[in-house]
Protein backbone atom coordinates (compact mmCIF):
# COMPACT_ATOMS: atom_id res chain seq x y z
CA MET A 1 -8.25 -31.66 -21.88
CA CYS A 2 -10.68 -30.94 -18.72
CA ARG A 3 -13.81 -32.68 -17.87
CA ALA A 4 -16.86 -31.09 -16.83
CA SER A 5 -16.18 -32.12 -13.35
CA SER A 6 -12.72 -30.11 -12.79
CA ALA A 7 -12.85 -26.91 -10.86
CA LEU A 8 -13.64 -23.93 -12.17
CA ALA A 9 -11.93 -20.73 -11.80
CA ALA A 10 -13.56 -17.60 -13.42
CA ILE A 11 -11.38 -14.55 -13.92
CA VAL A 12 -13.51 -11.51 -15.25
CA MET A 13 -12.51 -8.02 -15.47
CA SER A 14 -15.06 -5.44 -15.10
CA LEU A 15 -15.77 -1.68 -15.05
CA LEU A 16 -16.97 -0.21 -11.46
CA SER A 17 -20.22 0.57 -11.16
CA ALA A 18 -22.01 3.38 -12.90
CA SER A 19 -23.18 4.45 -9.46
CA SER A 20 -19.61 4.06 -8.06
CA PRO A 21 -19.37 5.45 -4.36
CA ALA A 22 -16.50 7.68 -6.40
CA SER A 23 -19.08 10.72 -6.54
CA SER A 24 -20.11 10.38 -2.79
CA ARG A 25 -19.67 13.27 -0.72
CA PRO A 26 -16.13 13.18 0.89
CA LEU A 27 -15.61 13.18 5.06
CA ASP A 28 -12.79 14.75 6.36
CA VAL A 29 -11.70 11.67 8.65
CA TYR A 30 -8.90 13.96 10.05
CA SER A 31 -6.80 16.76 9.22
CA SER A 32 -4.21 18.97 11.15
CA SER A 33 -1.93 21.49 10.71
CA PHE A 34 -0.75 21.15 14.27
CA ASP A 35 -0.81 24.88 15.20
CA GLY A 36 -1.98 25.71 18.17
CA LEU A 37 -1.27 22.04 19.85
CA SER A 38 0.90 22.75 23.19
CA LEU A 39 4.61 22.85 22.47
CA ALA A 40 6.16 19.64 24.31
CA ARG A 41 6.92 15.69 23.81
CA THR A 42 3.69 13.82 23.46
CA ARG A 43 2.43 11.71 26.11
CA PRO A 44 1.54 8.22 26.47
CA PHE A 45 -1.97 6.91 25.54
CA PRO A 46 -4.60 8.88 25.82
CA GLY A 47 -2.44 11.94 25.05
CA ASP A 48 -2.67 14.88 25.78
CA PRO A 49 -6.19 17.18 24.67
CA GLU A 50 -4.07 20.25 24.18
CA GLN A 51 -2.06 18.43 21.79
CA ASP A 52 -4.99 16.80 20.10
CA ASN A 53 -4.85 13.76 21.76
CA TRP A 54 -1.35 12.43 19.75
CA TYR A 55 0.47 9.91 22.17
CA GLN A 56 3.50 8.35 22.62
CA VAL A 57 3.51 4.61 20.78
CA LEU A 58 7.36 4.15 21.71
CA ALA A 59 10.06 6.63 22.42
CA ALA A 60 13.04 4.41 23.33
CA GLY A 61 15.91 6.05 24.92
CA GLU A 62 16.51 9.45 23.84
CA ALA A 63 13.99 9.32 21.32
CA ILE A 64 11.50 11.78 21.81
CA GLY A 65 7.94 12.62 19.33
CA GLU A 66 6.59 15.90 20.23
CA ILE A 67 4.83 19.22 18.92
CA GLN A 68 7.40 21.68 17.64
CA ASP A 69 7.86 25.22 15.81
CA ALA A 70 11.56 25.01 14.96
CA VAL A 71 10.62 23.18 12.16
CA ALA A 72 7.28 23.61 10.32
CA VAL A 73 5.89 24.96 6.81
CA SER A 74 4.33 27.33 9.31
CA GLY A 75 2.98 27.50 12.97
CA ARG A 76 4.09 24.06 14.32
CA ALA A 77 4.71 20.28 13.20
CA LEU A 78 4.74 17.02 14.57
CA HIS A 79 8.37 15.67 15.08
CA GLU A 80 9.54 12.27 15.57
CA PHE A 81 13.79 12.04 16.21
CA ALA A 82 15.49 8.56 16.93
CA PRO A 83 19.18 9.12 17.90
CA ALA A 84 22.12 7.15 16.92
CA SER A 85 22.18 5.69 20.58
CA ASN A 86 19.14 3.73 19.94
CA GLY A 87 19.64 -0.08 18.94
CA CYS A 88 18.93 -0.74 15.56
CA GLY A 89 14.90 -0.99 14.85
CA THR A 90 13.92 0.99 17.66
CA PRO A 91 10.99 2.91 16.23
CA THR A 92 9.89 6.29 17.43
CA ALA A 93 5.70 6.71 16.63
CA ASP A 94 3.28 8.88 17.95
CA ALA A 95 -0.35 8.13 17.15
CA ARG A 96 -3.85 9.33 16.85
CA ASN A 97 -7.26 7.51 17.12
CA VAL A 98 -9.73 8.51 14.68
CA THR A 99 -13.50 7.83 14.58
CA PRO A 100 -13.91 4.69 12.17
CA PRO A 101 -15.13 6.33 8.72
CA ASP A 102 -17.57 4.16 6.98
CA LEU A 103 -15.27 2.77 4.20
CA GLU A 104 -18.17 0.51 2.09
CA ALA A 105 -19.99 4.26 1.46
CA ARG A 106 -17.28 6.40 0.44
CA PRO A 107 -14.90 3.68 -0.25
CA ILE A 108 -12.04 6.17 -1.91
CA ILE A 109 -9.33 6.99 0.90
CA THR A 110 -6.86 9.55 0.39
CA LEU A 111 -3.98 10.31 2.82
CA GLY A 112 -1.57 13.56 2.66
CA VAL A 113 1.10 15.20 4.67
CA SER A 114 3.85 17.46 4.16
CA PHE A 115 6.99 16.32 5.46
CA PHE A 116 10.62 16.92 6.27
CA SER A 117 13.56 14.28 6.31
CA HIS A 118 16.76 15.09 8.01
CA THR A 119 19.54 13.33 9.25
CA SER A 120 22.86 14.55 11.00
CA ASP A 121 25.65 12.56 8.49
CA LEU A 122 24.80 12.94 4.65
CA ASP A 123 27.83 10.60 4.05
CA ALA A 124 26.68 7.97 6.43
CA MET A 125 25.27 4.89 4.83
CA ASN A 126 22.73 3.37 7.23
CA PRO A 127 19.26 3.27 6.21
CA TYR A 128 16.59 5.66 7.21
CA ALA A 129 12.96 4.79 7.19
CA ALA A 130 9.94 6.87 8.41
CA SER A 131 6.64 6.36 7.63
CA LEU A 132 2.97 7.75 8.14
CA ARG A 133 -0.19 4.97 8.05
CA ALA A 134 -4.00 4.59 8.66
CA GLY A 135 -5.35 1.58 9.60
CA GLY A 136 -6.88 -0.50 12.25
CA GLY A 137 -9.22 -3.50 12.40
CA LEU A 138 -9.73 -6.93 14.36
CA HIS A 139 -5.68 -7.32 13.55
CA PRO A 140 -3.35 -4.41 14.90
CA GLY A 141 -1.26 -5.30 11.66
CA TYR A 142 -3.66 -4.07 9.11
CA GLU A 143 -2.90 -0.99 7.08
CA ILE A 144 -5.59 0.50 4.74
CA VAL A 145 -3.67 3.46 3.17
CA GLY A 146 -0.02 4.51 4.03
CA PHE A 147 3.61 5.29 2.48
CA GLY A 148 7.28 5.21 3.59
CA LEU A 149 10.45 7.30 2.80
CA PHE A 150 13.67 5.69 3.04
CA SER A 151 17.73 6.38 2.44
CA GLY A 152 20.94 4.94 2.83
CA ASN A 153 21.17 1.62 2.77
CA ASP A 154 24.52 1.15 1.64
CA ALA A 155 24.69 4.11 -0.50
CA PRO A 156 25.63 7.48 1.37
CA LYS A 157 22.55 9.21 2.12
CA GLY A 158 23.39 12.51 0.31
CA GLU A 159 23.85 11.22 -3.13
CA MET A 160 20.68 9.01 -2.64
CA GLY A 161 18.35 11.51 -1.37
CA VAL A 162 14.91 10.65 0.45
CA THR A 163 12.73 8.45 -1.81
CA ALA A 164 8.85 7.74 -1.22
CA ALA A 165 7.53 4.31 -1.68
CA VAL A 166 4.64 2.36 -1.29
CA GLY A 167 4.07 -1.63 -0.49
CA TYR A 168 1.54 -3.55 -2.73
CA PHE A 169 0.01 -7.20 -2.50
CA ASP A 170 1.34 -9.14 -5.55
CA GLY A 171 -1.11 -11.90 -4.69
CA ALA A 172 1.27 -13.56 -2.24
CA LEU A 173 3.48 -11.48 -0.95
CA ASN A 174 3.54 -7.84 -0.21
CA ALA A 175 6.41 -6.33 -2.31
CA GLU A 176 7.08 -2.67 -2.81
CA LEU A 177 5.92 -0.94 -5.71
CA PRO A 178 8.04 0.81 -7.98
CA LEU A 179 7.27 4.75 -8.43
CA THR A 180 8.41 6.68 -10.94
CA VAL A 181 7.80 10.13 -8.58
CA GLY A 182 9.45 11.11 -5.19
CA THR A 183 13.11 9.64 -6.03
CA GLY A 184 15.99 11.24 -4.70
CA LEU A 185 14.04 14.11 -2.78
CA ALA A 186 15.90 16.42 -1.15
CA TRP A 187 16.76 16.68 2.42
CA ASP A 188 15.99 19.24 4.92
CA ALA A 189 13.49 20.72 2.58
CA TRP A 190 9.33 20.51 2.91
CA HIS A 191 7.96 18.17 0.40
CA ARG A 192 3.74 17.06 -0.29
CA ILE A 193 3.00 13.76 -0.81
CA GLU A 194 -0.72 12.55 -1.53
CA ILE A 195 -2.02 9.17 -2.14
CA ALA A 196 -5.22 7.59 -3.05
CA ILE A 197 -6.61 4.27 -3.09
CA ASP A 198 -10.07 2.84 -3.78
CA GLN A 199 -10.99 0.01 -1.30
CA ALA A 200 -13.82 -1.20 -2.74
CA ALA A 201 -12.17 -1.93 -5.96
CA ASP A 202 -9.14 -3.13 -4.02
CA THR A 203 -6.66 -0.78 -6.15
CA TYR A 204 -4.65 1.93 -5.88
CA VAL A 205 -5.57 5.04 -7.28
CA TYR A 206 -2.40 7.83 -7.41
CA VAL A 207 0.46 8.75 -5.71
CA GLU A 208 1.24 12.06 -6.19
CA VAL A 209 4.57 13.83 -4.93
CA ASP A 210 5.35 17.74 -5.29
CA GLY A 211 2.70 18.04 -7.49
CA GLU A 212 4.08 15.34 -9.72
CA ARG A 213 1.56 12.25 -9.97
CA GLN A 214 1.31 8.56 -10.75
CA TYR A 215 -1.71 6.49 -11.41
CA LEU A 216 -1.28 2.99 -10.11
CA TYR A 217 -5.05 1.51 -10.74
CA GLY A 218 -4.94 -2.26 -10.88
CA HIS A 219 -2.16 -2.86 -7.74
CA ALA A 220 -3.91 -4.06 -4.90
CA PRO A 221 -3.09 -2.43 -1.47
CA PRO A 222 -0.79 -4.70 0.98
CA ARG A 223 -2.40 -7.42 2.98
CA SER A 224 -1.48 -8.31 7.00
CA PHE A 225 -0.86 -11.78 7.51
CA ALA A 226 -3.07 -13.16 10.14
CA GLU A 227 -4.43 -16.78 10.84
CA GLY A 228 -2.28 -18.23 8.06
CA GLU A 229 -3.78 -15.89 5.25
CA TRP A 230 -2.98 -12.47 3.69
CA ARG A 231 -5.76 -10.02 4.59
CA ARG A 232 -6.88 -6.63 3.95
CA GLY A 233 -7.95 -4.59 6.68
CA GLN A 234 -11.84 -2.49 6.35
CA LEU A 235 -11.75 -0.14 9.21
CA ILE A 236 -9.72 2.74 9.81
CA GLU A 237 -9.45 3.52 13.54
CA GLY A 238 -6.02 5.99 13.70
CA ILE A 239 -2.98 7.39 11.92
CA ALA A 240 0.94 6.31 12.97
CA ALA A 241 3.52 8.60 12.08
CA GLU A 242 7.31 7.08 12.95
CA VAL A 243 11.26 7.02 12.22
CA VAL A 244 13.18 4.24 12.93
CA SER A 245 16.70 4.05 13.98
CA CYS A 246 18.48 1.32 11.39
CA PRO A 247 15.66 -0.91 10.69
CA TRP A 248 18.02 -3.23 8.77
CA ALA A 249 21.43 -3.83 10.10
CA PRO A 250 23.83 -2.35 12.49
CA PRO A 251 25.41 -0.33 12.93
CA ASN A 252 23.43 2.85 13.33
CA GLU A 253 25.55 5.71 12.82
CA THR A 254 23.02 8.92 12.79
CA ASP A 255 20.48 11.04 14.56
CA ASP A 256 17.32 10.69 12.25
CA ASP A 257 14.46 13.37 12.07
CA VAL A 258 11.00 13.27 10.44
CA TYR A 259 8.61 16.50 10.70
CA TRP A 260 5.12 16.00 9.52
CA ASP A 261 2.87 19.04 8.74
CA ASP A 262 -0.88 19.59 7.13
CA LEU A 263 -1.84 16.05 7.67
CA SER A 264 -5.48 15.02 5.97
CA LEU A 265 -7.21 11.85 6.14
CA THR A 266 -10.55 11.49 3.89
CA VAL A 267 -13.18 9.09 2.33
CA GLY A 268 -14.89 10.31 -0.78
CA VAL A 269 -13.66 12.21 -3.43
CA ARG A 270 -12.99 15.78 -3.04
CA ASP A 271 -12.25 16.99 -6.48
CA PRO A 272 -15.00 16.28 -9.33
CA ALA A 273 -12.48 15.87 -11.82
CA LEU A 274 -10.64 13.23 -10.17
CA ALA A 275 -13.98 11.81 -9.61
CA GLU A 276 -14.77 11.56 -13.35
CA GLU A 277 -11.73 10.57 -14.09
CA ILE A 278 -11.76 7.64 -11.83
CA GLN A 279 -15.30 6.37 -13.53
CA GLU A 280 -13.20 6.56 -17.26
CA SER A 281 -10.52 4.91 -15.60
CA ALA A 282 -12.10 2.08 -14.09
CA ALA A 283 -11.88 -0.56 -16.52
CA PRO A 284 -8.34 -1.23 -16.02
CA CYS A 285 -9.42 -2.47 -12.10
CA PRO A 286 -10.16 -6.10 -12.69
CA ARG A 287 -11.91 -8.47 -10.35
CA LEU A 288 -11.00 -12.29 -10.24
CA GLU A 289 -13.87 -14.96 -9.14
CA LEU A 290 -13.62 -18.17 -8.24
CA ALA A 291 -16.40 -21.04 -8.96
CA GLY A 292 -16.79 -24.51 -9.19
CA ARG A 293 -15.34 -27.44 -6.95
CA HIS A 294 -12.09 -26.19 -4.92
CA PRO A 295 -9.23 -27.49 -3.88
CA ALA A 296 -8.38 -28.42 -7.44
CA SER A 297 -7.34 -31.84 -8.35
CA GLY A 298 -6.28 -32.70 -12.07
CA CYS A 299 -7.29 -30.28 -14.45
CA VAL A 300 -8.30 -26.93 -13.92
CA ALA A 301 -10.63 -25.03 -16.58
CA LEU A 302 -9.92 -21.28 -16.53
CA ARG A 303 -12.22 -18.34 -18.05
CA TYR A 304 -11.85 -15.25 -18.45
CA SER A 305 -13.43 -11.94 -19.95
CA LEU A 306 -12.72 -8.86 -21.78
CA ALA A 307 -14.02 -5.34 -22.32
CA ALA A 308 -11.44 -4.50 -25.16
CA PRO A 309 -9.11 -5.73 -27.21
CA ALA A 310 -5.63 -6.24 -25.25
CA THR A 311 -2.30 -8.09 -25.22
CA VAL A 312 -2.82 -11.23 -22.93
CA ARG A 313 -0.45 -13.21 -20.35
CA LEU A 314 -2.16 -15.71 -18.20
CA GLY A 315 0.27 -18.06 -16.12
CA VAL A 316 0.38 -20.03 -13.43
CA PHE A 317 2.39 -19.12 -10.20
CA ASP A 318 3.61 -20.99 -7.15
CA SER A 319 3.39 -19.29 -3.64
CA GLY A 320 6.99 -17.81 -3.75
CA GLY A 321 5.76 -16.09 -7.14
CA ARG A 322 7.82 -18.32 -9.66
CA LEU A 323 6.55 -18.66 -13.42
CA ILE A 324 4.85 -22.52 -13.19
CA ARG A 325 3.20 -22.28 -16.44
CA ARG A 326 2.14 -20.08 -19.28
CA LEU A 327 -0.80 -20.46 -20.54
CA VAL A 328 -1.84 -17.93 -22.89
CA ASP A 329 0.69 -15.02 -24.34
CA SER A 330 -1.13 -13.58 -27.12
CA ARG A 331 -3.08 -10.46 -28.46
CA GLU A 332 -7.41 -10.95 -27.76
CA GLY A 333 -10.71 -9.48 -28.53
CA PRO A 334 -13.21 -8.56 -26.23
CA GLY A 335 -15.28 -11.34 -24.93
CA ASP A 336 -15.22 -14.57 -23.27
CA HIS A 337 -12.26 -16.46 -23.64
CA GLY A 338 -11.03 -19.97 -21.70
CA VAL A 339 -7.82 -21.49 -21.29
CA SER A 340 -7.31 -24.88 -19.27
CA TRP A 341 -3.96 -25.94 -16.75
CA ASP A 342 -3.02 -29.77 -16.87
CA GLY A 343 -1.45 -29.13 -13.51
CA ARG A 344 1.97 -29.68 -14.92
CA ASP A 345 4.84 -26.86 -15.27
CA GLY A 346 6.24 -25.63 -18.30
CA SER A 347 8.54 -28.81 -18.85
CA GLY A 348 5.58 -31.07 -18.41
CA VAL A 349 6.20 -32.33 -14.91
CA ALA A 350 3.32 -32.53 -12.31
CA ALA A 351 3.09 -29.80 -9.90
CA PRO A 352 2.88 -30.74 -6.16
CA PRO A 353 0.32 -30.28 -4.11
CA GLY A 354 0.05 -26.92 -2.37
CA LEU A 355 -1.19 -22.92 -3.50
CA TYR A 356 -0.56 -21.56 -6.65
CA LEU A 357 -1.64 -17.97 -8.05
CA VAL A 358 -3.64 -17.13 -11.93
CA ARG A 359 -2.14 -14.18 -12.78
CA LEU A 360 -4.34 -12.59 -15.67
CA ASP A 361 -2.06 -9.54 -17.28
CA ALA A 362 -4.53 -7.93 -20.02
CA GLY A 363 -3.06 -4.61 -21.41
CA GLY A 364 -0.73 -3.84 -18.39
CA ILE A 365 -3.85 -4.39 -16.07
CA VAL A 366 -3.56 -7.39 -13.77
CA ALA A 367 -6.30 -9.85 -12.10
CA ARG A 368 -5.10 -12.75 -9.59
CA GLN A 369 -7.04 -15.81 -8.52
CA LYS A 370 -5.77 -18.37 -6.25
CA ILE A 371 -5.97 -22.08 -7.13
CA VAL A 372 -5.22 -24.46 -4.38
CA ARG A 373 -3.75 -28.01 -5.79
CA VAL A 374 -4.56 -31.26 -3.84
CA ARG A 375 -3.90 -34.90 -5.39
């Protein structure tokens, strides 16, 4: 049994406030159809005003980024091209800086764009990878919202089609979030993707591809590793679009292209129906809190609160994501609950000092908290 002097980890599942900024008026951070921009390759920073200041981040070898009109939803589009002559892992990227919006006032962030993926050989099996991301902050690697497009990687591109993917933070590492939308998309065709997150609640809201929507409440957007810890950015300063030559392993066999059109980045909710839906669906967005002495030694007392009945699975995991001990696996009623971890694994062996994660799954919605054990 835990003593009163033991560390206390409080896990609290709570609703978003009734005054949630989901109802705040939206702000158009950046939008462009690329129509009317100068037809030419992009230039280094700060870019050409005639191209709305899109600038070249990297275009090695024969790679190019350009504004062109041969492939577009209508008018013109931004084109990123990575040739087979480029070495593996060489990105072709362009970016545009934006005025940082107030994410605290309007934490719902939505990134949407139309895209057209092309590769020179649909029978080739080398990887295809393109991405569109918005981010910024003190650490250059911070991503706020974004997605990737993938194909190949030891399977014929033509058989796989193009698949959309987003990353999430599982409490220990960034991982790929399984999607039921945006899989096996046709090459050489226009598709539309929109992704929304709630920055304040640290959760995805939804991903929508070609009008098919998947809600992702309870899944945390990815972090960047900086100064020894995983950090979530809090600032948007720019948008970056890229395609990468064979990102994982040689040989690079194909010329790869991605075309972007009708891009939009907003904060705040544009659709009143979605604002109401976010309020109604906010309960599955858990918030974790840690109280008491920390780091912990010996026994650790945990508590959690449920707003409604739920099947609860609560376990302790090591920093590599491996389950150390299952503490709760049962149906629980609403209210406060408590359980303790004696610092041992499922076999009764004392766990070594280090970082551990408590994961609470209540009705399929996940909450997490860190525990650092010392001797």
